[in-house]
Amino acid sequence: MNWMALITSIVDYLPIERALFPPRDNTKALEKLADSMRDTKIPPQTHVSEKTTSTITRLPIESAVPTTEETIAQLKRRLGKELYKLELDLANELRINGKPCDCLNSKHSLLFEAVAEELIPLDPHNPIYREILDWVTTAMPRGTFEAISSGRYDAEYPLMASEVRDFRKRLLGNISRVAMIEPKEPVYETHNI
């Protein structure tokens, strides 16, 4: 029997730190802590009068959770931003510094699908979300790296940018970039009398 191999394999399984440095016994430290906690004196309760008033104001529960309308508006702004970015990419013929990029395939299509599919059950009577999903599905083959590199769709990309702009206008009500910015908290005016 190879005793050296057996000893080596046992040493490999045992942590050397445990053999050299035995674990610390914390029992005394815990007992000392428990004794010190028993010695602390709790101050007697002070008398509370019956006429105390609360200065804590609670926000209504409704304000803590966004309403469906607020959620729809936020998701529409998010989708509008993605449409705007895609419009710019299409206006540049899906190229960055003249080199083809696959942003229609990976980056934009995933975000469009996610936001549009989230909006469909929240706002089921608005057909634009399904139209955007259908448009993305049909446009994806023209946005592959190979399709962009071939140049056969270069004349279509500006037309596609126009379609995306129309989606954004229908979604947000206008084509202004301000429509994509989240509104700030309401400002209350104070008048000195």
N, C-alpha and C. Protein backbone atom coordinates (compact mmCIF):
# COMPACT_ATOMS: atom_id res chain seq x y z
N MET A 1 0.84 -1.17 0.00
CA MET A 1 0.00 0.00 0.00
C MET A 1 0.89 1.25 0.00
N ASN A 2 0.47 2.27 -0.74
CA ASN A 2 1.24 3.50 -0.86
C ASN A 2 0.79 4.48 0.22
N TRP A 3 1.52 4.47 1.34
CA TRP A 3 1.14 5.31 2.49
C TRP A 3 1.31 6.79 2.19
N MET A 4 2.27 7.12 1.43
CA MET A 4 2.52 8.53 1.12
C MET A 4 1.36 9.11 0.31
N ALA A 5 0.84 8.34 -0.65
CA ALA A 5 -0.29 8.81 -1.45
C ALA A 5 -1.54 8.94 -0.59
N LEU A 6 -1.73 8.01 0.35
CA LEU A 6 -2.88 8.08 1.25
C LEU A 6 -2.80 9.31 2.15
N ILE A 7 -1.66 9.59 2.70
CA ILE A 7 -1.49 10.77 3.57
C ILE A 7 -1.68 12.05 2.77
N THR A 8 -1.16 12.09 1.57
CA THR A 8 -1.30 13.26 0.71
C THR A 8 -2.77 13.50 0.38
N SER A 9 -3.50 12.46 0.07
CA SER A 9 -4.92 12.64 -0.26
C SER A 9 -5.72 13.10 0.95
N ILE A 10 -5.37 12.61 2.15
CA ILE A 10 -6.08 13.05 3.36
C ILE A 10 -5.77 14.51 3.64
N VAL A 11 -4.53 14.90 3.49
CA VAL A 11 -4.14 16.30 3.71
C VAL A 11 -4.84 17.21 2.72
N ASP A 12 -5.03 16.73 1.49
CA ASP A 12 -5.73 17.56 0.49
C ASP A 12 -7.18 17.83 0.89
N TYR A 13 -7.82 16.91 1.59
CA TYR A 13 -9.21 17.09 1.98
C TYR A 13 -9.37 17.90 3.26
N LEU A 14 -8.34 17.93 4.10
CA LEU A 14 -8.44 18.66 5.36
C LEU A 14 -7.94 20.09 5.17
N PRO A 15 -8.68 21.06 5.67
CA PRO A 15 -8.17 22.43 5.60
C PRO A 15 -7.01 22.60 6.57
N ILE A 16 -5.91 23.07 6.05
CA ILE A 16 -4.69 23.20 6.87
C ILE A 16 -4.86 24.27 7.94
N GLU A 17 -5.68 25.28 7.68
CA GLU A 17 -5.91 26.33 8.67
C GLU A 17 -6.54 25.76 9.93
N ARG A 18 -7.43 24.81 9.79
CA ARG A 18 -8.11 24.23 10.94
C ARG A 18 -7.14 23.41 11.79
N ALA A 19 -6.19 22.75 11.14
CA ALA A 19 -5.21 21.95 11.87
C ALA A 19 -4.21 22.85 12.60
N LEU A 20 -3.81 23.95 11.94
CA LEU A 20 -2.83 24.85 12.55
C LEU A 20 -3.45 25.81 13.56
N PHE A 21 -4.63 26.30 13.28
CA PHE A 21 -5.30 27.29 14.13
C PHE A 21 -6.66 26.74 14.55
N PRO A 22 -6.76 26.25 15.76
CA PRO A 22 -8.05 25.71 16.19
C PRO A 22 -9.10 26.81 16.26
N PRO A 23 -10.37 26.46 16.01
CA PRO A 23 -11.42 27.47 16.04
C PRO A 23 -11.53 28.10 17.43
N ARG A 24 -11.88 29.36 17.43
CA ARG A 24 -11.98 30.13 18.66
C ARG A 24 -13.25 29.76 19.40
N ASP A 25 -13.15 29.67 20.74
CA ASP A 25 -14.32 29.37 21.56
C ASP A 25 -14.92 30.70 22.01
N ASN A 26 -16.10 31.00 21.49
CA ASN A 26 -16.76 32.26 21.79
C ASN A 26 -17.73 32.16 22.96
N THR A 27 -17.73 31.07 23.66
CA THR A 27 -18.69 30.87 24.75
C THR A 27 -18.52 31.93 25.83
N LYS A 28 -17.28 32.20 26.25
CA LYS A 28 -17.05 33.19 27.31
C LYS A 28 -17.48 34.58 26.87
N ALA A 29 -17.19 34.93 25.64
CA ALA A 29 -17.57 36.25 25.13
C ALA A 29 -19.09 36.39 25.08
N LEU A 30 -19.78 35.33 24.67
CA LEU A 30 -21.24 35.39 24.63
C LEU A 30 -21.85 35.48 26.03
N GLU A 31 -21.26 34.75 26.99
CA GLU A 31 -21.76 34.83 28.37
C GLU A 31 -21.54 36.23 28.94
N LYS A 32 -20.41 36.84 28.63
CA LYS A 32 -20.13 38.19 29.11
C LYS A 32 -21.12 39.20 28.51
N LEU A 33 -21.42 39.04 27.24
CA LEU A 33 -22.39 39.91 26.59
C LEU A 33 -23.77 39.75 27.20
N ALA A 34 -24.17 38.52 27.47
CA ALA A 34 -25.49 38.26 28.07
C ALA A 34 -25.56 38.86 29.46
N ASP A 35 -24.48 38.75 30.25
CA ASP A 35 -24.46 39.35 31.59
C ASP A 35 -24.58 40.87 31.52
N SER A 36 -23.87 41.45 30.56
CA SER A 36 -23.93 42.92 30.46
C SER A 36 -25.31 43.39 30.05
N MET A 37 -26.01 42.58 29.27
CA MET A 37 -27.36 42.96 28.85
C MET A 37 -28.35 42.82 30.00
N ARG A 38 -28.10 41.87 30.88
CA ARG A 38 -28.99 41.70 32.03
C ARG A 38 -28.82 42.84 33.02
N ASP A 39 -27.63 43.41 33.09
CA ASP A 39 -27.35 44.47 34.05
C ASP A 39 -27.92 45.82 33.65
N THR A 40 -28.21 46.01 32.37
CA THR A 40 -28.74 47.30 31.95
C THR A 40 -30.13 47.50 32.53
N LYS A 41 -30.34 48.70 32.97
CA LYS A 41 -31.63 49.01 33.59
C LYS A 41 -32.52 49.71 32.58
N ILE A 42 -33.73 49.27 32.54
CA ILE A 42 -34.70 49.87 31.64
C ILE A 42 -35.37 51.01 32.38
N PRO A 43 -35.37 52.22 31.80
CA PRO A 43 -36.00 53.35 32.49
C PRO A 43 -37.50 53.12 32.61
N PRO A 44 -38.07 53.59 33.72
CA PRO A 44 -39.51 53.41 33.87
C PRO A 44 -40.25 54.19 32.80
N GLN A 45 -41.43 53.69 32.42
CA GLN A 45 -42.22 54.34 31.39
C GLN A 45 -42.73 55.67 31.92
N THR A 46 -42.66 56.65 31.07
CA THR A 46 -43.19 57.95 31.45
C THR A 46 -44.68 57.96 31.20
N HIS A 47 -45.36 58.78 31.96
CA HIS A 47 -46.81 58.87 31.83
C HIS A 47 -47.16 59.63 30.56
N VAL A 48 -48.04 59.07 29.78
CA VAL A 48 -48.47 59.70 28.54
C VAL A 48 -49.86 60.27 28.77
N SER A 49 -49.99 61.54 28.45
CA SER A 49 -51.30 62.16 28.65
C SER A 49 -52.27 61.70 27.57
N GLU A 50 -53.52 61.86 27.86
CA GLU A 50 -54.56 61.43 26.95
C GLU A 50 -54.69 62.36 25.74
N LYS A 51 -54.13 63.56 25.83
CA LYS A 51 -54.35 64.55 24.78
C LYS A 51 -53.16 64.66 23.81
N THR A 52 -52.43 63.61 23.63
CA THR A 52 -51.32 63.68 22.69
C THR A 52 -51.86 63.70 21.27
N THR A 53 -51.19 64.44 20.44
CA THR A 53 -51.58 64.52 19.03
C THR A 53 -50.45 63.97 18.19
N SER A 54 -50.81 63.35 17.13
CA SER A 54 -49.83 62.76 16.24
C SER A 54 -49.40 63.78 15.20
N THR A 55 -48.10 63.88 15.00
CA THR A 55 -47.59 64.79 13.96
C THR A 55 -47.17 64.02 12.72
N ILE A 56 -47.37 62.72 12.74
CA ILE A 56 -47.01 61.90 11.59
C ILE A 56 -48.17 61.94 10.61
N THR A 57 -47.85 62.32 9.39
CA THR A 57 -48.88 62.31 8.36
C THR A 57 -48.61 61.14 7.44
N ARG A 58 -49.62 60.45 7.11
CA ARG A 58 -49.49 59.30 6.22
C ARG A 58 -49.99 59.67 4.84
N LEU A 59 -49.26 59.20 3.87
CA LEU A 59 -49.69 59.40 2.50
C LEU A 59 -50.80 58.41 2.19
N PRO A 60 -51.75 58.81 1.38
CA PRO A 60 -52.78 57.85 1.00
C PRO A 60 -52.13 56.69 0.23
N ILE A 61 -52.70 55.53 0.38
CA ILE A 61 -52.16 54.33 -0.26
C ILE A 61 -52.15 54.49 -1.77
N GLU A 62 -53.12 55.19 -2.30
CA GLU A 62 -53.21 55.35 -3.75
C GLU A 62 -51.97 56.04 -4.32
N SER A 63 -51.37 56.99 -3.58
CA SER A 63 -50.23 57.72 -4.11
C SER A 63 -48.96 56.88 -4.08
N ALA A 64 -48.92 55.83 -3.29
CA ALA A 64 -47.73 55.00 -3.20
C ALA A 64 -47.60 54.06 -4.40
N VAL A 65 -48.67 53.77 -5.06
CA VAL A 65 -48.67 52.85 -6.20
C VAL A 65 -49.14 53.63 -7.43
N PRO A 66 -48.42 53.53 -8.55
CA PRO A 66 -48.87 54.27 -9.73
C PRO A 66 -50.20 53.73 -10.25
N THR A 67 -51.00 54.63 -10.75
CA THR A 67 -52.28 54.23 -11.33
C THR A 67 -52.03 53.58 -12.70
N THR A 68 -53.04 52.95 -13.22
CA THR A 68 -52.92 52.33 -14.55
C THR A 68 -52.61 53.40 -15.60
N GLU A 69 -53.24 54.56 -15.46
CA GLU A 69 -53.00 55.64 -16.42
C GLU A 69 -51.55 56.12 -16.35
N GLU A 70 -51.01 56.23 -15.13
CA GLU A 70 -49.62 56.64 -14.98
C GLU A 70 -48.67 55.60 -15.57
N THR A 71 -48.99 54.33 -15.37
CA THR A 71 -48.16 53.26 -15.90
C THR A 71 -48.20 53.27 -17.42
N ILE A 72 -49.38 53.43 -17.99
CA ILE A 72 -49.51 53.48 -19.45
C ILE A 72 -48.71 54.65 -20.00
N ALA A 73 -48.83 55.83 -19.36
CA ALA A 73 -48.11 57.01 -19.84
C ALA A 73 -46.60 56.79 -19.78
N GLN A 74 -46.12 56.19 -18.69
CA GLN A 74 -44.68 55.92 -18.55
C GLN A 74 -44.20 54.95 -19.61
N LEU A 75 -44.96 53.87 -19.83
CA LEU A 75 -44.56 52.88 -20.83
C LEU A 75 -44.64 53.46 -22.24
N LYS A 76 -45.60 54.33 -22.50
CA LYS A 76 -45.68 54.97 -23.81
C LYS A 76 -44.46 55.86 -24.05
N ARG A 77 -44.04 56.60 -23.01
CA ARG A 77 -42.83 57.42 -23.15
C ARG A 77 -41.62 56.54 -23.42
N ARG A 78 -41.52 55.42 -22.73
CA ARG A 78 -40.40 54.50 -22.93
C ARG A 78 -40.41 53.96 -24.36
N LEU A 79 -41.58 53.56 -24.84
CA LEU A 79 -41.69 53.05 -26.20
C LEU A 79 -41.40 54.16 -27.21
N GLY A 80 -41.85 55.38 -26.91
CA GLY A 80 -41.56 56.52 -27.77
C GLY A 80 -40.07 56.78 -27.89
N LYS A 81 -39.34 56.64 -26.79
CA LYS A 81 -37.88 56.82 -26.83
C LYS A 81 -37.22 55.78 -27.71
N GLU A 82 -37.69 54.55 -27.60
CA GLU A 82 -37.12 53.50 -28.43
C GLU A 82 -37.44 53.72 -29.90
N LEU A 83 -38.65 54.19 -30.18
CA LEU A 83 -39.01 54.50 -31.56
C LEU A 83 -38.14 55.63 -32.10
N TYR A 84 -37.87 56.61 -31.27
CA TYR A 84 -37.03 57.73 -31.70
C TYR A 84 -35.60 57.26 -32.01
N LYS A 85 -35.05 56.40 -31.15
CA LYS A 85 -33.71 55.88 -31.40
C LYS A 85 -33.68 55.06 -32.69
N LEU A 86 -34.71 54.26 -32.91
CA LEU A 86 -34.76 53.47 -34.13
C LEU A 86 -34.90 54.37 -35.35
N GLU A 87 -35.70 55.42 -35.22
CA GLU A 87 -35.86 56.36 -36.33
C GLU A 87 -34.51 56.95 -36.73
N LEU A 88 -33.71 57.34 -35.74
CA LEU A 88 -32.39 57.89 -36.04
C LEU A 88 -31.49 56.85 -36.69
N ASP A 89 -31.54 55.62 -36.19
CA ASP A 89 -30.72 54.55 -36.78
C ASP A 89 -31.13 54.27 -38.22
N LEU A 90 -32.44 54.24 -38.46
CA LEU A 90 -32.91 54.00 -39.83
C LEU A 90 -32.55 55.16 -40.76
N ALA A 91 -32.60 56.39 -40.25
CA ALA A 91 -32.21 57.54 -41.06
C ALA A 91 -30.74 57.45 -41.45
N ASN A 92 -29.93 56.80 -40.62
CA ASN A 92 -28.52 56.57 -40.93
C ASN A 92 -28.30 55.25 -41.64
N GLU A 93 -29.37 54.66 -42.16
CA GLU A 93 -29.35 53.40 -42.90
C GLU A 93 -28.75 52.26 -42.07
N LEU A 94 -29.06 52.24 -40.77
CA LEU A 94 -28.61 51.22 -39.83
C LEU A 94 -27.09 51.05 -39.87
N ARG A 95 -26.42 52.19 -39.95
CA ARG A 95 -24.96 52.17 -39.96
C ARG A 95 -24.43 53.14 -38.90
N ILE A 96 -23.30 52.76 -38.33
CA ILE A 96 -22.59 53.63 -37.40
C ILE A 96 -21.23 53.90 -38.02
N ASN A 97 -20.95 55.16 -38.27
CA ASN A 97 -19.71 55.56 -38.96
C ASN A 97 -19.56 54.82 -40.28
N GLY A 98 -20.67 54.63 -40.97
CA GLY A 98 -20.65 53.97 -42.26
C GLY A 98 -20.56 52.46 -42.21
N LYS A 99 -20.48 51.90 -41.00
CA LYS A 99 -20.36 50.45 -40.86
C LYS A 99 -21.69 49.87 -40.40
N PRO A 100 -22.10 48.74 -40.99
CA PRO A 100 -23.39 48.15 -40.61
C PRO A 100 -23.43 47.73 -39.14
N CYS A 101 -24.59 47.95 -38.52
CA CYS A 101 -24.81 47.45 -37.16
C CYS A 101 -26.10 46.64 -37.16
N ASP A 102 -26.24 45.74 -36.24
CA ASP A 102 -27.43 44.89 -36.19
C ASP A 102 -28.41 45.37 -35.13
N CYS A 103 -28.51 46.68 -34.95
CA CYS A 103 -29.32 47.20 -33.84
C CYS A 103 -30.82 46.91 -34.03
N LEU A 104 -31.30 46.80 -35.24
CA LEU A 104 -32.72 46.48 -35.41
C LEU A 104 -33.00 45.05 -34.96
N ASN A 105 -32.06 44.16 -35.17
CA ASN A 105 -32.28 42.77 -34.81
C ASN A 105 -32.25 42.53 -33.31
N SER A 106 -31.26 43.01 -32.63
CA SER A 106 -31.11 42.65 -31.22
C SER A 106 -31.61 43.72 -30.27
N LYS A 107 -31.06 44.89 -30.36
CA LYS A 107 -31.30 45.92 -29.36
C LYS A 107 -32.74 46.42 -29.38
N HIS A 108 -33.17 46.94 -30.50
CA HIS A 108 -34.49 47.57 -30.55
C HIS A 108 -35.64 46.59 -30.51
N SER A 109 -35.52 45.50 -31.23
CA SER A 109 -36.66 44.59 -31.32
C SER A 109 -37.03 44.01 -29.96
N LEU A 110 -36.07 43.69 -29.14
CA LEU A 110 -36.35 43.15 -27.81
C LEU A 110 -37.09 44.18 -26.96
N LEU A 111 -36.64 45.42 -26.99
CA LEU A 111 -37.29 46.46 -26.19
C LEU A 111 -38.69 46.76 -26.72
N PHE A 112 -38.85 46.81 -28.04
CA PHE A 112 -40.19 47.04 -28.60
C PHE A 112 -41.16 45.96 -28.15
N GLU A 113 -40.73 44.72 -28.30
CA GLU A 113 -41.60 43.61 -27.93
C GLU A 113 -41.96 43.65 -26.45
N ALA A 114 -40.98 43.91 -25.61
CA ALA A 114 -41.23 43.91 -24.16
C ALA A 114 -42.22 44.99 -23.76
N VAL A 115 -41.99 46.21 -24.22
CA VAL A 115 -42.86 47.32 -23.81
C VAL A 115 -44.23 47.21 -24.46
N ALA A 116 -44.27 46.89 -25.75
CA ALA A 116 -45.56 46.78 -26.44
C ALA A 116 -46.41 45.66 -25.85
N GLU A 117 -45.78 44.52 -25.55
CA GLU A 117 -46.54 43.41 -24.97
C GLU A 117 -47.02 43.74 -23.56
N GLU A 118 -46.29 44.58 -22.86
CA GLU A 118 -46.75 45.01 -21.53
C GLU A 118 -47.91 46.00 -21.65
N LEU A 119 -47.92 46.79 -22.70
CA LEU A 119 -48.99 47.79 -22.87
C LEU A 119 -50.29 47.18 -23.39
N ILE A 120 -50.23 46.09 -24.12
CA ILE A 120 -51.44 45.50 -24.72
C ILE A 120 -52.51 45.20 -23.68
N PRO A 121 -52.22 44.50 -22.58
CA PRO A 121 -53.29 44.24 -21.60
C PRO A 121 -53.70 45.48 -20.80
N LEU A 122 -52.80 46.46 -20.69
CA LEU A 122 -53.15 47.68 -19.95
C LEU A 122 -54.05 48.60 -20.75
N ASP A 123 -53.87 48.61 -22.06
CA ASP A 123 -54.63 49.49 -22.95
C ASP A 123 -55.08 48.68 -24.16
N PRO A 124 -56.01 47.72 -23.96
CA PRO A 124 -56.33 46.77 -25.02
C PRO A 124 -57.05 47.36 -26.23
N HIS A 125 -57.62 48.55 -26.09
CA HIS A 125 -58.38 49.12 -27.20
C HIS A 125 -57.52 49.94 -28.15
N ASN A 126 -56.24 50.09 -27.84
CA ASN A 126 -55.34 50.85 -28.70
C ASN A 126 -54.61 49.87 -29.61
N PRO A 127 -54.87 49.92 -30.92
CA PRO A 127 -54.28 48.94 -31.84
C PRO A 127 -52.80 49.19 -32.16
N ILE A 128 -52.27 50.32 -31.77
CA ILE A 128 -50.91 50.68 -32.20
C ILE A 128 -49.85 49.71 -31.67
N TYR A 129 -50.07 49.16 -30.51
CA TYR A 129 -49.06 48.27 -29.93
C TYR A 129 -48.89 47.01 -30.78
N ARG A 130 -49.99 46.45 -31.21
CA ARG A 130 -49.91 45.27 -32.08
C ARG A 130 -49.34 45.64 -33.46
N GLU A 131 -49.68 46.82 -33.94
CA GLU A 131 -49.13 47.27 -35.22
C GLU A 131 -47.61 47.41 -35.14
N ILE A 132 -47.13 47.95 -34.01
CA ILE A 132 -45.68 48.09 -33.84
C ILE A 132 -45.03 46.71 -33.79
N LEU A 133 -45.64 45.78 -33.06
CA LEU A 133 -45.09 44.43 -33.00
C LEU A 133 -45.05 43.78 -34.38
N ASP A 134 -46.12 43.94 -35.15
CA ASP A 134 -46.16 43.37 -36.51
C ASP A 134 -45.10 44.03 -37.39
N TRP A 135 -44.95 45.35 -37.26
CA TRP A 135 -43.97 46.07 -38.07
C TRP A 135 -42.56 45.58 -37.75
N VAL A 136 -42.25 45.44 -36.47
CA VAL A 136 -40.93 44.97 -36.08
C VAL A 136 -40.66 43.58 -36.63
N THR A 137 -41.66 42.71 -36.57
CA THR A 137 -41.50 41.35 -37.08
C THR A 137 -41.19 41.35 -38.58
N THR A 138 -41.89 42.19 -39.34
CA THR A 138 -41.63 42.24 -40.78
C THR A 138 -40.35 42.98 -41.12
N ALA A 139 -39.93 43.93 -40.29
CA ALA A 139 -38.73 44.71 -40.58
C ALA A 139 -37.45 44.00 -40.18
N MET A 140 -37.53 43.05 -39.27
CA MET A 140 -36.32 42.41 -38.75
C MET A 140 -35.44 41.76 -39.84
N PRO A 141 -36.01 41.10 -40.84
CA PRO A 141 -35.13 40.52 -41.87
C PRO A 141 -34.33 41.57 -42.64
N ARG A 142 -34.84 42.80 -42.73
CA ARG A 142 -34.12 43.86 -43.43
C ARG A 142 -33.07 44.52 -42.53
N GLY A 143 -33.06 44.15 -41.26
CA GLY A 143 -32.11 44.76 -40.33
C GLY A 143 -30.98 43.85 -39.92
N THR A 144 -30.81 42.73 -40.59
CA THR A 144 -29.70 41.84 -40.26
C THR A 144 -28.39 42.43 -40.78
N PHE A 145 -27.31 41.98 -40.22
CA PHE A 145 -25.99 42.45 -40.64
C PHE A 145 -25.76 42.18 -42.13
N GLU A 146 -26.19 41.01 -42.58
CA GLU A 146 -26.00 40.64 -43.99
C GLU A 146 -26.84 41.54 -44.91
N ALA A 147 -28.10 41.81 -44.49
CA ALA A 147 -28.97 42.63 -45.33
C ALA A 147 -28.45 44.06 -45.41
N ILE A 148 -27.96 44.58 -44.31
CA ILE A 148 -27.42 45.95 -44.31
C ILE A 148 -26.16 46.00 -45.15
N SER A 149 -25.29 45.01 -45.00
CA SER A 149 -24.03 44.98 -45.75
C SER A 149 -24.26 44.87 -47.25
N SER A 150 -25.33 44.18 -47.64
CA SER A 150 -25.59 44.00 -49.08
C SER A 150 -26.00 45.30 -49.75
N GLY A 151 -26.60 46.21 -49.01
CA GLY A 151 -27.02 47.49 -49.58
C GLY A 151 -28.33 47.44 -50.34
N ARG A 152 -28.98 46.29 -50.41
CA ARG A 152 -30.21 46.18 -51.21
C ARG A 152 -31.41 46.89 -50.58
N TYR A 153 -31.34 47.22 -49.28
CA TYR A 153 -32.46 47.90 -48.62
C TYR A 153 -32.14 49.37 -48.30
N ASP A 154 -31.03 49.88 -48.81
CA ASP A 154 -30.64 51.26 -48.47
C ASP A 154 -31.71 52.28 -48.83
N ALA A 155 -32.43 52.06 -49.91
CA ALA A 155 -33.49 53.00 -50.30
C ALA A 155 -34.72 52.86 -49.40
N GLU A 156 -34.88 51.70 -48.77
CA GLU A 156 -36.06 51.48 -47.91
C GLU A 156 -35.88 52.03 -46.50
N TYR A 157 -34.65 52.14 -46.02
CA TYR A 157 -34.43 52.56 -44.64
C TYR A 157 -35.00 53.95 -44.33
N PRO A 158 -34.84 54.94 -45.20
CA PRO A 158 -35.48 56.24 -44.91
C PRO A 158 -37.02 56.13 -44.87
N LEU A 159 -37.59 55.29 -45.70
CA LEU A 159 -39.05 55.09 -45.67
C LEU A 159 -39.46 54.41 -44.37
N MET A 160 -38.64 53.46 -43.92
CA MET A 160 -38.93 52.80 -42.65
C MET A 160 -38.82 53.80 -41.49
N ALA A 161 -37.86 54.72 -41.58
CA ALA A 161 -37.72 55.76 -40.55
C ALA A 161 -38.98 56.62 -40.50
N SER A 162 -39.54 56.89 -41.66
CA SER A 162 -40.79 57.66 -41.72
C SER A 162 -41.94 56.89 -41.08
N GLU A 163 -42.00 55.59 -41.30
CA GLU A 163 -43.04 54.77 -40.68
C GLU A 163 -42.90 54.78 -39.15
N VAL A 164 -41.67 54.68 -38.69
CA VAL A 164 -41.41 54.69 -37.25
C VAL A 164 -41.82 56.04 -36.65
N ARG A 165 -41.54 57.10 -37.39
CA ARG A 165 -41.94 58.45 -36.94
C ARG A 165 -43.45 58.55 -36.82
N ASP A 166 -44.17 57.96 -37.78
CA ASP A 166 -45.63 57.96 -37.72
C ASP A 166 -46.14 57.18 -36.51
N PHE A 167 -45.50 56.06 -36.21
CA PHE A 167 -45.88 55.30 -35.01
C PHE A 167 -45.69 56.16 -33.76
N ARG A 168 -44.56 56.86 -33.71
CA ARG A 168 -44.27 57.68 -32.53
C ARG A 168 -45.29 58.81 -32.39
N LYS A 169 -45.68 59.41 -33.52
CA LYS A 169 -46.67 60.48 -33.49
C LYS A 169 -48.02 59.95 -33.01
N ARG A 170 -48.42 58.79 -33.50
CA ARG A 170 -49.70 58.20 -33.07
C ARG A 170 -49.65 57.76 -31.61
N LEU A 171 -48.50 57.29 -31.17
CA LEU A 171 -48.35 56.81 -29.81
C LEU A 171 -48.39 57.95 -28.79
N LEU A 172 -47.61 59.00 -29.07
CA LEU A 172 -47.46 60.10 -28.10
C LEU A 172 -48.33 61.31 -28.39
N GLY A 173 -48.94 61.35 -29.56
CA GLY A 173 -49.79 62.49 -29.90
C GLY A 173 -49.07 63.56 -30.68
N ASN A 174 -47.75 63.55 -30.69
CA ASN A 174 -46.97 64.49 -31.49
C ASN A 174 -45.56 63.91 -31.67
N ILE A 175 -44.74 64.62 -32.44
CA ILE A 175 -43.39 64.11 -32.68
C ILE A 175 -42.34 64.89 -31.89
N SER A 176 -42.79 65.72 -31.01
CA SER A 176 -41.86 66.50 -30.19
C SER A 176 -41.13 65.59 -29.21
N ARG A 177 -39.85 65.86 -29.04
CA ARG A 177 -39.07 65.07 -28.08
C ARG A 177 -39.51 65.35 -26.64
N VAL A 178 -40.15 66.46 -26.42
CA VAL A 178 -40.64 66.80 -25.08
C VAL A 178 -41.69 65.79 -24.62
N ALA A 179 -42.41 65.20 -25.56
CA ALA A 179 -43.45 64.22 -25.21
C ALA A 179 -42.85 62.96 -24.60
N MET A 180 -41.54 62.76 -24.77
CA MET A 180 -40.90 61.56 -24.23
C MET A 180 -40.30 61.79 -22.84
N ILE A 181 -40.37 63.03 -22.36
CA ILE A 181 -39.79 63.36 -21.07
C ILE A 181 -40.82 63.18 -19.98
N GLU A 182 -40.40 62.55 -18.89
CA GLU A 182 -41.30 62.30 -17.78
C GLU A 182 -41.63 63.62 -17.09
N PRO A 183 -42.90 63.87 -16.82
CA PRO A 183 -43.26 65.13 -16.16
C PRO A 183 -42.72 65.17 -14.74
N LYS A 184 -42.38 66.37 -14.30
CA LYS A 184 -41.88 66.55 -12.94
C LYS A 184 -43.05 66.65 -11.99
N GLU A 185 -42.74 66.67 -10.70
CA GLU A 185 -43.78 66.83 -9.68
C GLU A 185 -44.47 68.17 -9.90
N PRO A 186 -45.75 68.27 -9.56
CA PRO A 186 -46.45 69.53 -9.75
C PRO A 186 -45.84 70.62 -8.87
N VAL A 187 -45.76 71.81 -9.41
CA VAL A 187 -45.22 72.93 -8.68
C VAL A 187 -46.38 73.74 -8.13
N TYR A 188 -46.35 74.00 -6.85
CA TYR A 188 -47.40 74.78 -6.19
C TYR A 188 -46.90 76.19 -5.98
N GLU A 189 -47.64 77.14 -6.49
CA GLU A 189 -47.25 78.54 -6.34
C GLU A 189 -47.71 79.05 -5.00
N THR A 190 -46.89 79.88 -4.40
CA THR A 190 -47.28 80.52 -3.15
C THR A 190 -47.35 82.02 -3.40
N HIS A 191 -48.34 82.63 -2.85
CA HIS A 191 -48.54 84.07 -3.01
C HIS A 191 -48.37 84.74 -1.67
N ASN A 192 -47.58 85.82 -1.65
CA ASN A 192 -47.44 86.59 -0.43
C ASN A 192 -48.58 87.61 -0.36
N ILE A 193 -49.25 87.60 0.73
CA ILE A 193 -50.39 88.52 0.89
C ILE A 193 -50.01 89.62 1.83
